[in-house]
N, C-alpha and C. Protein backbone atom coordinates (compact mmCIF):
# COMPACT_ATOMS: atom_id res chain seq x y z
N MET A 1 106.83 82.11 46.79
CA MET A 1 105.88 83.17 47.06
C MET A 1 106.59 84.51 46.87
N PRO A 2 106.68 84.96 45.63
CA PRO A 2 107.33 86.22 45.40
C PRO A 2 106.38 87.43 45.83
N GLN A 3 107.00 88.70 45.76
CA GLN A 3 106.22 89.82 46.06
C GLN A 3 105.42 89.78 47.31
N ASN A 4 106.03 89.42 48.42
CA ASN A 4 105.36 89.33 49.66
C ASN A 4 105.51 90.51 50.54
N SER A 5 104.64 90.81 51.35
CA SER A 5 104.85 91.85 52.34
C SER A 5 104.22 91.28 53.70
N PRO A 6 104.39 91.92 54.73
CA PRO A 6 103.82 91.41 56.00
C PRO A 6 102.36 91.20 56.03
N ARG A 7 101.65 91.92 55.13
CA ARG A 7 100.17 91.89 55.14
C ARG A 7 99.59 91.32 53.98
N LYS A 8 100.38 90.97 52.93
CA LYS A 8 99.95 90.40 51.69
C LYS A 8 100.92 89.40 51.12
N LEU A 9 100.42 88.22 50.63
CA LEU A 9 101.26 87.22 50.03
C LEU A 9 100.72 86.83 48.73
N GLN A 10 101.60 86.55 47.79
CA GLN A 10 101.28 85.92 46.59
C GLN A 10 101.61 84.51 46.63
N VAL A 11 100.72 83.56 46.24
CA VAL A 11 100.99 82.16 46.26
C VAL A 11 100.76 81.65 44.85
N ILE A 12 101.82 81.04 44.30
CA ILE A 12 101.82 80.52 42.90
C ILE A 12 102.31 79.01 43.00
N VAL A 13 101.47 78.12 42.55
CA VAL A 13 101.84 76.67 42.51
C VAL A 13 101.73 76.14 41.14
N ARG A 14 102.54 75.17 40.85
CA ARG A 14 102.63 74.63 39.52
C ARG A 14 101.80 73.25 39.48
N ARG A 15 101.62 72.64 40.60
CA ARG A 15 100.90 71.44 40.64
C ARG A 15 99.68 71.55 41.58
N ALA A 16 98.50 71.13 41.21
CA ALA A 16 97.32 71.20 41.98
C ALA A 16 97.53 70.59 43.29
N SER A 17 98.36 69.50 43.40
CA SER A 17 98.57 68.80 44.64
C SER A 17 99.34 69.63 45.69
N ASP A 18 99.94 70.73 45.19
CA ASP A 18 100.70 71.59 46.20
C ASP A 18 99.87 72.77 46.68
N THR A 19 98.67 72.92 46.19
CA THR A 19 97.82 74.08 46.52
C THR A 19 97.52 74.16 48.01
N ASP A 20 97.01 73.08 48.62
CA ASP A 20 96.55 73.11 50.02
C ASP A 20 97.73 73.45 50.86
N PHE A 21 98.93 72.81 50.67
CA PHE A 21 100.00 73.03 51.58
C PHE A 21 100.47 74.57 51.41
N ALA A 22 100.47 75.02 50.22
CA ALA A 22 101.08 76.48 50.03
C ALA A 22 100.00 77.48 50.60
N LEU A 23 98.68 77.28 50.46
CA LEU A 23 97.65 78.16 51.03
C LEU A 23 97.74 78.02 52.56
N ASP A 24 97.77 76.82 53.12
CA ASP A 24 97.87 76.66 54.56
C ASP A 24 99.08 77.41 55.12
N SER A 25 100.25 77.24 54.44
CA SER A 25 101.41 77.89 54.96
C SER A 25 101.26 79.46 54.95
N GLY A 26 100.75 79.99 53.87
CA GLY A 26 100.44 81.44 53.81
C GLY A 26 99.43 81.89 54.86
N VAL A 27 98.42 81.17 55.07
CA VAL A 27 97.39 81.48 56.08
C VAL A 27 98.20 81.55 57.46
N ARG A 28 98.96 80.58 57.77
CA ARG A 28 99.62 80.55 59.05
C ARG A 28 100.52 81.76 59.28
N LYS A 29 101.22 82.09 58.26
CA LYS A 29 102.09 83.31 58.26
C LYS A 29 101.26 84.60 58.58
N LEU A 30 100.20 84.72 57.90
CA LEU A 30 99.32 85.90 58.16
C LEU A 30 98.58 85.87 59.46
N GLN A 31 98.26 84.66 59.86
CA GLN A 31 97.71 84.54 61.27
C GLN A 31 98.66 85.06 62.32
N ALA A 32 99.87 84.69 62.16
CA ALA A 32 100.94 85.12 63.18
C ALA A 32 101.07 86.76 63.10
N VAL A 33 100.98 87.33 62.01
CA VAL A 33 101.04 88.80 61.83
C VAL A 33 99.79 89.37 62.52
N ALA A 34 98.61 88.78 62.19
CA ALA A 34 97.33 89.34 62.77
C ALA A 34 97.39 89.19 64.26
N LEU A 35 97.78 88.11 64.90
CA LEU A 35 97.82 87.94 66.27
C LEU A 35 98.73 88.89 66.95
N ALA A 36 99.86 89.18 66.30
CA ALA A 36 100.79 90.21 66.82
C ALA A 36 100.16 91.58 66.82
N GLY A 37 99.38 91.94 65.83
CA GLY A 37 98.87 93.28 65.76
C GLY A 37 97.36 93.40 65.74
N GLY A 38 96.58 92.34 65.87
CA GLY A 38 95.23 92.38 65.82
C GLY A 38 94.64 92.99 64.56
N ALA A 39 95.17 92.73 63.47
CA ALA A 39 94.97 93.38 62.26
C ALA A 39 94.04 92.55 61.26
N GLY A 40 92.72 92.62 61.51
CA GLY A 40 91.80 92.00 60.54
C GLY A 40 91.83 90.56 60.29
N GLY A 41 90.97 90.14 59.40
CA GLY A 41 90.99 88.74 59.01
C GLY A 41 91.71 88.51 57.60
N ILE A 42 91.58 87.38 57.12
CA ILE A 42 92.43 87.00 55.94
C ILE A 42 91.41 86.81 54.76
N LEU A 43 91.78 87.52 53.64
CA LEU A 43 91.00 87.36 52.42
C LEU A 43 91.90 86.55 51.43
N VAL A 44 91.37 85.46 50.93
CA VAL A 44 92.07 84.60 49.99
C VAL A 44 91.35 84.78 48.62
N THR A 45 92.17 85.26 47.61
CA THR A 45 91.51 85.47 46.25
C THR A 45 92.28 84.60 45.23
N LYS A 46 91.45 83.84 44.48
CA LYS A 46 92.02 83.11 43.32
C LYS A 46 91.96 83.95 42.07
N HIS A 47 93.12 84.20 41.47
CA HIS A 47 93.28 85.01 40.33
C HIS A 47 93.26 84.17 39.06
N ALA A 48 93.81 83.01 39.12
CA ALA A 48 93.97 82.11 38.00
C ALA A 48 94.31 80.79 38.50
N PRO A 49 94.22 79.72 37.67
CA PRO A 49 94.62 78.38 38.22
C PRO A 49 96.07 78.51 38.76
N GLY A 50 96.29 78.11 40.04
CA GLY A 50 97.59 78.09 40.67
C GLY A 50 98.06 79.39 41.20
N ARG A 51 97.21 80.43 41.02
CA ARG A 51 97.71 81.82 41.39
C ARG A 51 96.74 82.45 42.37
N PHE A 52 97.20 82.74 43.61
CA PHE A 52 96.31 83.21 44.68
C PHE A 52 97.03 84.44 45.33
N SER A 53 96.17 85.29 45.98
CA SER A 53 96.74 86.26 46.95
C SER A 53 96.06 86.07 48.30
N LEU A 54 96.76 86.30 49.34
CA LEU A 54 96.31 86.20 50.68
C LEU A 54 96.60 87.55 51.31
N GLU A 55 95.61 88.22 51.91
CA GLU A 55 95.80 89.55 52.48
C GLU A 55 95.06 89.72 53.84
N LEU A 56 95.75 90.36 54.68
CA LEU A 56 95.18 90.80 55.92
C LEU A 56 94.32 92.03 55.64
N THR A 57 93.01 92.11 56.00
CA THR A 57 92.22 93.22 55.72
C THR A 57 91.15 93.36 56.82
N HIS A 58 90.68 94.67 57.00
CA HIS A 58 89.71 94.88 57.96
C HIS A 58 88.35 94.66 57.42
N ASP A 59 88.27 94.28 56.10
CA ASP A 59 86.98 93.86 55.46
C ASP A 59 86.54 92.53 55.95
N VAL A 60 87.45 91.74 56.50
CA VAL A 60 87.19 90.46 57.01
C VAL A 60 87.33 90.49 58.56
N PRO A 61 86.40 90.07 59.30
CA PRO A 61 86.58 90.15 60.76
C PRO A 61 87.77 89.40 61.27
N PHE A 62 88.40 89.87 62.30
CA PHE A 62 89.57 89.27 62.90
C PHE A 62 89.18 87.83 63.28
N GLY A 63 90.09 86.96 62.90
CA GLY A 63 89.88 85.48 63.17
C GLY A 63 89.25 84.75 62.17
N TYR A 64 88.81 85.44 61.10
CA TYR A 64 88.02 84.76 60.03
C TYR A 64 88.94 84.69 58.68
N ILE A 65 88.59 83.78 57.83
CA ILE A 65 89.18 83.59 56.55
C ILE A 65 88.08 83.66 55.46
N HIS A 66 88.13 84.50 54.61
CA HIS A 66 87.11 84.64 53.44
C HIS A 66 87.75 84.30 52.15
N GLU A 67 87.14 83.37 51.41
CA GLU A 67 87.63 83.04 50.11
C GLU A 67 86.80 83.73 49.00
N LYS A 68 87.58 84.20 48.08
CA LYS A 68 87.04 84.97 46.90
C LYS A 68 87.50 84.41 45.61
N ALA A 69 86.63 84.05 44.70
CA ALA A 69 87.03 83.50 43.45
C ALA A 69 87.24 84.58 42.43
């Protein structure tokens, strides 16, 4: 997961079978940051096959995960 910050993660997977694990791991990391600071919900965006970004944002209510294609 290159180019990561405490509020945004880039997830890149080479095999489709790795996608769920990689996204779950990223979501757990951002949930920990959100719980520590009460900072919004998580927006998951698919940019291309195997390429995603996960971001804490106030556009998503705290405690929710929104998926965007």
